[in-house]
Amino acid sequence: LRGELFAIWRGLTLAWECGCRDVTCETDSLHAFLAAQLHSKSEHTADVDLIVKIHEVLQWNWSVELVLIQRTANVAADFLAKSAVEKGIDYVELLEQLNSMHNVLQGVHHSSSLKS
């Protein structure tokens, strides 16, 4: 949960720093979504610092929509996050990941085609 909350907070702060003022923030984590949406701090005491930071950012002068998405819709972001953790780096160079990302996206497209 902490990683998901950090990703929401950092993504929002990066969007603000880039000058974006109308933002849609997507997450596939129900717990992170509820913590950010419901402004509920009591259930997530270990993560209250990040929840407070997210709530502060949401109060800035901009439009932010938090959206809960299906995990399958977030496969590319999950792949990049897992790659960063496995390699022990803070940021993943997208260009280094293109071949692997292509395989991940092809797998999603293929499995979606099979379900249709």
N, C-alpha and C. Protein backbone atom coordinates (compact mmCIF):
# COMPACT_ATOMS: atom_id res chain seq x y z
N LEU A 1 0.83 -1.20 0.00
CA LEU A 1 0.00 0.00 0.00
C LEU A 1 0.87 1.26 0.00
N ARG A 2 1.93 1.22 0.77
CA ARG A 2 2.78 2.42 0.86
C ARG A 2 3.36 2.79 -0.51
N GLY A 3 3.77 1.79 -1.28
CA GLY A 3 4.30 2.06 -2.61
C GLY A 3 3.26 2.69 -3.52
N GLU A 4 2.04 2.21 -3.44
CA GLU A 4 0.96 2.77 -4.26
C GLU A 4 0.66 4.22 -3.86
N LEU A 5 0.61 4.47 -2.55
CA LEU A 5 0.35 5.83 -2.06
C LEU A 5 1.48 6.77 -2.46
N PHE A 6 2.72 6.27 -2.37
CA PHE A 6 3.85 7.09 -2.78
C PHE A 6 3.77 7.43 -4.26
N ALA A 7 3.39 6.45 -5.07
CA ALA A 7 3.28 6.68 -6.52
C ALA A 7 2.21 7.72 -6.83
N ILE A 8 1.09 7.68 -6.11
CA ILE A 8 0.04 8.68 -6.31
C ILE A 8 0.56 10.05 -5.93
N TRP A 9 1.15 10.17 -4.74
CA TRP A 9 1.66 11.46 -4.28
C TRP A 9 2.73 12.00 -5.22
N ARG A 10 3.69 11.16 -5.57
CA ARG A 10 4.80 11.64 -6.42
C ARG A 10 4.31 11.97 -7.83
N GLY A 11 3.42 11.16 -8.35
CA GLY A 11 2.86 11.46 -9.67
C GLY A 11 2.13 12.79 -9.70
N LEU A 12 1.36 13.05 -8.65
CA LEU A 12 0.65 14.33 -8.57
C LEU A 12 1.61 15.51 -8.44
N THR A 13 2.63 15.36 -7.61
CA THR A 13 3.58 16.46 -7.46
C THR A 13 4.37 16.70 -8.75
N LEU A 14 4.71 15.63 -9.46
CA LEU A 14 5.39 15.80 -10.75
C LEU A 14 4.49 16.49 -11.76
N ALA A 15 3.21 16.11 -11.78
CA ALA A 15 2.27 16.76 -12.71
C ALA A 15 2.18 18.25 -12.40
N TRP A 16 2.11 18.59 -11.12
CA TRP A 16 2.04 20.00 -10.73
C TRP A 16 3.30 20.75 -11.17
N GLU A 17 4.46 20.14 -10.89
CA GLU A 17 5.73 20.77 -11.25
C GLU A 17 5.86 20.97 -12.76
N CYS A 18 5.21 20.11 -13.54
CA CYS A 18 5.25 20.23 -15.01
C CYS A 18 4.21 21.22 -15.53
N GLY A 19 3.41 21.78 -14.63
CA GLY A 19 2.43 22.78 -15.04
C GLY A 19 1.07 22.23 -15.40
N CYS A 20 0.85 20.95 -15.20
CA CYS A 20 -0.45 20.36 -15.49
C CYS A 20 -1.44 20.80 -14.42
N ARG A 21 -2.61 21.27 -14.82
CA ARG A 21 -3.59 21.73 -13.85
C ARG A 21 -4.95 21.03 -13.99
N ASP A 22 -5.03 20.11 -14.91
CA ASP A 22 -6.24 19.28 -15.08
C ASP A 22 -5.74 17.84 -15.25
N VAL A 23 -5.78 17.06 -14.17
CA VAL A 23 -5.09 15.78 -14.12
C VAL A 23 -6.05 14.66 -13.76
N THR A 24 -5.87 13.54 -14.42
CA THR A 24 -6.54 12.30 -14.04
C THR A 24 -5.46 11.36 -13.54
N CYS A 25 -5.63 10.90 -12.30
CA CYS A 25 -4.67 10.00 -11.67
C CYS A 25 -5.33 8.64 -11.55
N GLU A 26 -4.74 7.64 -12.21
CA GLU A 26 -5.29 6.29 -12.21
C GLU A 26 -4.49 5.39 -11.29
N THR A 27 -5.20 4.53 -10.57
CA THR A 27 -4.55 3.51 -9.75
C THR A 27 -5.34 2.22 -9.84
N ASP A 28 -4.62 1.11 -9.71
CA ASP A 28 -5.31 -0.18 -9.69
C ASP A 28 -5.37 -0.74 -8.28
N SER A 29 -5.02 0.09 -7.29
CA SER A 29 -5.04 -0.33 -5.89
C SER A 29 -6.28 0.22 -5.20
N LEU A 30 -7.21 -0.66 -4.88
CA LEU A 30 -8.44 -0.25 -4.21
C LEU A 30 -8.14 0.42 -2.87
N HIS A 31 -7.20 -0.14 -2.11
CA HIS A 31 -6.88 0.42 -0.79
C HIS A 31 -6.30 1.83 -0.91
N ALA A 32 -5.40 2.04 -1.86
CA ALA A 32 -4.83 3.38 -2.05
C ALA A 32 -5.89 4.35 -2.54
N PHE A 33 -6.74 3.90 -3.45
CA PHE A 33 -7.82 4.74 -3.98
C PHE A 33 -8.74 5.19 -2.84
N LEU A 34 -9.16 4.25 -2.01
CA LEU A 34 -10.07 4.59 -0.91
C LEU A 34 -9.40 5.51 0.11
N ALA A 35 -8.14 5.25 0.41
CA ALA A 35 -7.43 6.10 1.37
C ALA A 35 -7.34 7.53 0.86
N ALA A 36 -7.07 7.69 -0.44
CA ALA A 36 -6.95 9.02 -1.02
C ALA A 36 -8.31 9.69 -1.20
N GLN A 37 -9.30 8.93 -1.61
CA GLN A 37 -10.63 9.47 -1.88
C GLN A 37 -11.40 9.82 -0.61
N LEU A 38 -11.41 8.91 0.34
CA LEU A 38 -12.26 9.06 1.51
C LEU A 38 -11.61 9.87 2.62
N HIS A 39 -10.38 10.26 2.41
CA HIS A 39 -9.66 11.05 3.41
C HIS A 39 -9.69 10.34 4.76
N SER A 40 -9.64 9.01 4.72
CA SER A 40 -9.67 8.20 5.92
C SER A 40 -8.25 7.90 6.36
N LYS A 41 -7.88 8.38 7.53
CA LYS A 41 -6.53 8.17 8.02
C LYS A 41 -6.45 7.08 9.07
N SER A 42 -7.52 6.81 9.75
CA SER A 42 -7.48 5.93 10.91
C SER A 42 -7.14 4.48 10.56
N GLU A 43 -7.57 4.00 9.41
CA GLU A 43 -7.35 2.60 9.04
C GLU A 43 -5.93 2.33 8.57
N HIS A 44 -5.21 3.35 8.16
CA HIS A 44 -3.90 3.18 7.55
C HIS A 44 -2.86 3.97 8.35
N THR A 45 -2.76 3.73 9.64
CA THR A 45 -1.90 4.54 10.49
C THR A 45 -0.44 4.51 10.06
N ALA A 46 0.03 3.41 9.53
CA ALA A 46 1.42 3.33 9.10
C ALA A 46 1.69 4.24 7.90
N ASP A 47 0.67 4.55 7.16
CA ASP A 47 0.82 5.35 5.94
C ASP A 47 0.20 6.73 6.06
N VAL A 48 -0.12 7.15 7.27
CA VAL A 48 -0.84 8.42 7.45
C VAL A 48 -0.05 9.60 6.89
N ASP A 49 1.28 9.55 6.94
CA ASP A 49 2.07 10.66 6.41
C ASP A 49 1.83 10.86 4.92
N LEU A 50 1.79 9.77 4.16
CA LEU A 50 1.54 9.88 2.72
C LEU A 50 0.10 10.26 2.43
N ILE A 51 -0.83 9.75 3.21
CA ILE A 51 -2.23 10.10 3.01
C ILE A 51 -2.43 11.59 3.24
N VAL A 52 -1.81 12.13 4.27
CA VAL A 52 -1.90 13.58 4.55
C VAL A 52 -1.29 14.36 3.39
N LYS A 53 -0.14 13.92 2.88
CA LYS A 53 0.49 14.60 1.75
C LYS A 53 -0.41 14.59 0.51
N ILE A 54 -1.04 13.46 0.24
CA ILE A 54 -1.95 13.37 -0.90
C ILE A 54 -3.11 14.32 -0.71
N HIS A 55 -3.68 14.36 0.47
CA HIS A 55 -4.81 15.25 0.74
C HIS A 55 -4.41 16.71 0.57
N GLU A 56 -3.22 17.06 1.01
CA GLU A 56 -2.72 18.44 0.83
C GLU A 56 -2.60 18.78 -0.64
N VAL A 57 -2.02 17.88 -1.43
CA VAL A 57 -1.84 18.12 -2.86
C VAL A 57 -3.19 18.27 -3.56
N LEU A 58 -4.16 17.48 -3.15
CA LEU A 58 -5.49 17.54 -3.77
C LEU A 58 -6.18 18.87 -3.51
N GLN A 59 -5.75 19.60 -2.48
CA GLN A 59 -6.35 20.89 -2.15
C GLN A 59 -5.75 22.06 -2.93
N TRP A 60 -4.68 21.82 -3.66
CA TRP A 60 -4.07 22.88 -4.45
C TRP A 60 -5.06 23.37 -5.50
N ASN A 61 -4.74 24.49 -6.12
CA ASN A 61 -5.64 25.12 -7.09
C ASN A 61 -5.53 24.44 -8.46
N TRP A 62 -6.19 23.28 -8.55
CA TRP A 62 -6.19 22.52 -9.80
C TRP A 62 -7.30 21.50 -9.77
N SER A 63 -7.50 20.84 -10.88
CA SER A 63 -8.53 19.81 -10.97
C SER A 63 -7.85 18.44 -11.06
N VAL A 64 -8.14 17.59 -10.07
CA VAL A 64 -7.57 16.24 -10.05
C VAL A 64 -8.71 15.24 -9.89
N GLU A 65 -8.76 14.28 -10.79
CA GLU A 65 -9.73 13.19 -10.69
C GLU A 65 -8.96 11.91 -10.39
N LEU A 66 -9.30 11.28 -9.29
CA LEU A 66 -8.72 9.97 -8.96
C LEU A 66 -9.63 8.90 -9.52
N VAL A 67 -9.06 7.94 -10.25
CA VAL A 67 -9.84 6.92 -10.92
C VAL A 67 -9.29 5.54 -10.56
N LEU A 68 -10.18 4.65 -10.18
CA LEU A 68 -9.80 3.26 -9.93
C LEU A 68 -9.95 2.49 -11.24
N ILE A 69 -8.87 1.83 -11.66
CA ILE A 69 -8.90 1.09 -12.91
C ILE A 69 -8.62 -0.38 -12.63
N GLN A 70 -8.93 -1.21 -13.61
CA GLN A 70 -8.64 -2.64 -13.48
C GLN A 70 -7.14 -2.87 -13.59
N ARG A 71 -6.66 -3.86 -12.88
CA ARG A 71 -5.23 -4.18 -12.88
C ARG A 71 -4.74 -4.46 -14.30
N THR A 72 -5.55 -5.10 -15.12
CA THR A 72 -5.12 -5.43 -16.48
C THR A 72 -4.91 -4.18 -17.33
N ALA A 73 -5.55 -3.08 -16.97
CA ALA A 73 -5.38 -1.83 -17.71
C ALA A 73 -4.09 -1.13 -17.32
N ASN A 74 -3.43 -1.62 -16.30
CA ASN A 74 -2.24 -0.97 -15.76
C ASN A 74 -0.98 -1.82 -15.91
N VAL A 75 -1.01 -2.76 -16.82
CA VAL A 75 0.08 -3.73 -16.94
C VAL A 75 1.41 -3.07 -17.30
N ALA A 76 1.40 -2.04 -18.12
CA ALA A 76 2.65 -1.38 -18.50
C ALA A 76 3.30 -0.68 -17.31
N ALA A 77 2.51 0.03 -16.52
CA ALA A 77 3.04 0.71 -15.34
C ALA A 77 3.53 -0.30 -14.31
N ASP A 78 2.79 -1.39 -14.13
CA ASP A 78 3.21 -2.43 -13.20
C ASP A 78 4.55 -3.03 -13.64
N PHE A 79 4.69 -3.26 -14.94
CA PHE A 79 5.94 -3.82 -15.45
C PHE A 79 7.12 -2.89 -15.16
N LEU A 80 6.94 -1.59 -15.42
CA LEU A 80 8.02 -0.63 -15.18
C LEU A 80 8.36 -0.54 -13.69
N ALA A 81 7.33 -0.54 -12.84
CA ALA A 81 7.57 -0.47 -11.40
C ALA A 81 8.33 -1.71 -10.91
N LYS A 82 7.90 -2.88 -11.37
CA LYS A 82 8.57 -4.11 -10.95
C LYS A 82 10.01 -4.16 -11.48
N SER A 83 10.23 -3.65 -12.67
CA SER A 83 11.58 -3.61 -13.23
C SER A 83 12.48 -2.72 -12.38
N ALA A 84 11.95 -1.59 -11.93
CA ALA A 84 12.74 -0.68 -11.09
C ALA A 84 13.11 -1.34 -9.77
N VAL A 85 12.16 -2.06 -9.17
CA VAL A 85 12.42 -2.73 -7.90
C VAL A 85 13.46 -3.83 -8.09
N GLU A 86 13.28 -4.64 -9.13
CA GLU A 86 14.21 -5.75 -9.38
C GLU A 86 15.63 -5.26 -9.64
N LYS A 87 15.75 -4.13 -10.31
CA LYS A 87 17.08 -3.60 -10.65
C LYS A 87 17.63 -2.67 -9.58
N GLY A 88 16.81 -2.36 -8.58
CA GLY A 88 17.27 -1.51 -7.49
C GLY A 88 17.53 -0.08 -7.90
N ILE A 89 16.73 0.43 -8.81
CA ILE A 89 16.92 1.81 -9.26
C ILE A 89 15.65 2.62 -8.97
N ASP A 90 15.83 3.94 -8.90
CA ASP A 90 14.69 4.81 -8.61
C ASP A 90 13.86 5.09 -9.86
N TYR A 91 14.50 5.24 -10.97
CA TYR A 91 13.80 5.55 -12.21
C TYR A 91 14.21 4.54 -13.28
N VAL A 92 13.27 4.22 -14.12
CA VAL A 92 13.55 3.28 -15.20
C VAL A 92 13.63 4.05 -16.50
N GLU A 93 14.72 3.85 -17.20
CA GLU A 93 14.85 4.47 -18.52
C GLU A 93 13.95 3.72 -19.48
N LEU A 94 12.95 4.40 -19.99
CA LEU A 94 11.98 3.76 -20.87
C LEU A 94 12.64 3.16 -22.10
N LEU A 95 13.63 3.85 -22.63
CA LEU A 95 14.28 3.35 -23.85
C LEU A 95 14.93 2.00 -23.62
N GLU A 96 15.45 1.76 -22.42
CA GLU A 96 16.07 0.47 -22.12
C GLU A 96 15.03 -0.63 -22.01
N GLN A 97 13.79 -0.26 -21.79
CA GLN A 97 12.74 -1.24 -21.54
C GLN A 97 11.85 -1.51 -22.76
N LEU A 98 12.13 -0.88 -23.88
CA LEU A 98 11.21 -0.97 -25.02
C LEU A 98 10.96 -2.40 -25.48
N ASN A 99 12.00 -3.21 -25.60
CA ASN A 99 11.79 -4.58 -26.06
C ASN A 99 10.95 -5.36 -25.08
N SER A 100 11.26 -5.27 -23.80
CA SER A 100 10.48 -5.97 -22.79
C SER A 100 9.06 -5.43 -22.72
N MET A 101 8.92 -4.11 -22.82
CA MET A 101 7.59 -3.50 -22.77
C MET A 101 6.75 -3.97 -23.96
N HIS A 102 7.37 -4.06 -25.10
CA HIS A 102 6.66 -4.54 -26.29
C HIS A 102 6.10 -5.94 -26.04
N ASN A 103 6.90 -6.81 -25.43
CA ASN A 103 6.44 -8.17 -25.14
C ASN A 103 5.28 -8.15 -24.14
N VAL A 104 5.36 -7.30 -23.13
CA VAL A 104 4.29 -7.21 -22.13
C VAL A 104 3.00 -6.74 -22.79
N LEU A 105 3.11 -5.70 -23.61
CA LEU A 105 1.90 -5.16 -24.26
C LEU A 105 1.33 -6.14 -25.28
N GLN A 106 2.19 -6.86 -25.97
CA GLN A 106 1.71 -7.88 -26.90
C GLN A 106 0.95 -8.96 -26.15
N GLY A 107 1.46 -9.35 -24.98
CA GLY A 107 0.78 -10.35 -24.17
C GLY A 107 -0.59 -9.90 -23.72
N VAL A 108 -0.72 -8.64 -23.37
CA VAL A 108 -2.02 -8.08 -22.97
C VAL A 108 -2.96 -8.06 -24.15
N HIS A 109 -2.46 -7.62 -25.30
CA HIS A 109 -3.29 -7.57 -26.50
C HIS A 109 -3.74 -8.97 -26.89
N HIS A 110 -2.81 -9.92 -26.81
CA HIS A 110 -3.14 -11.29 -27.18
C HIS A 110 -4.18 -11.89 -26.23
N SER A 111 -4.01 -11.69 -24.92
CA SER A 111 -4.97 -12.25 -23.97
C SER A 111 -6.32 -11.55 -24.09
N SER A 112 -6.32 -10.26 -24.42
CA SER A 112 -7.60 -9.56 -24.62
C SER A 112 -8.31 -10.09 -25.85
N SER A 113 -7.54 -10.41 -26.89
CA SER A 113 -8.14 -10.95 -28.12
C SER A 113 -8.76 -12.31 -27.86
N LEU A 114 -8.13 -13.10 -27.02
CA LEU A 114 -8.65 -14.43 -26.72
C LEU A 114 -9.96 -14.36 -25.93
N LYS A 115 -10.10 -13.33 -25.09
CA LYS A 115 -11.32 -13.20 -24.29
C LYS A 115 -12.49 -12.71 -25.11
N SER A 116 -12.22 -11.99 -26.20
CA SER A 116 -13.30 -11.41 -27.01
C SER A 116 -14.04 -12.44 -27.81
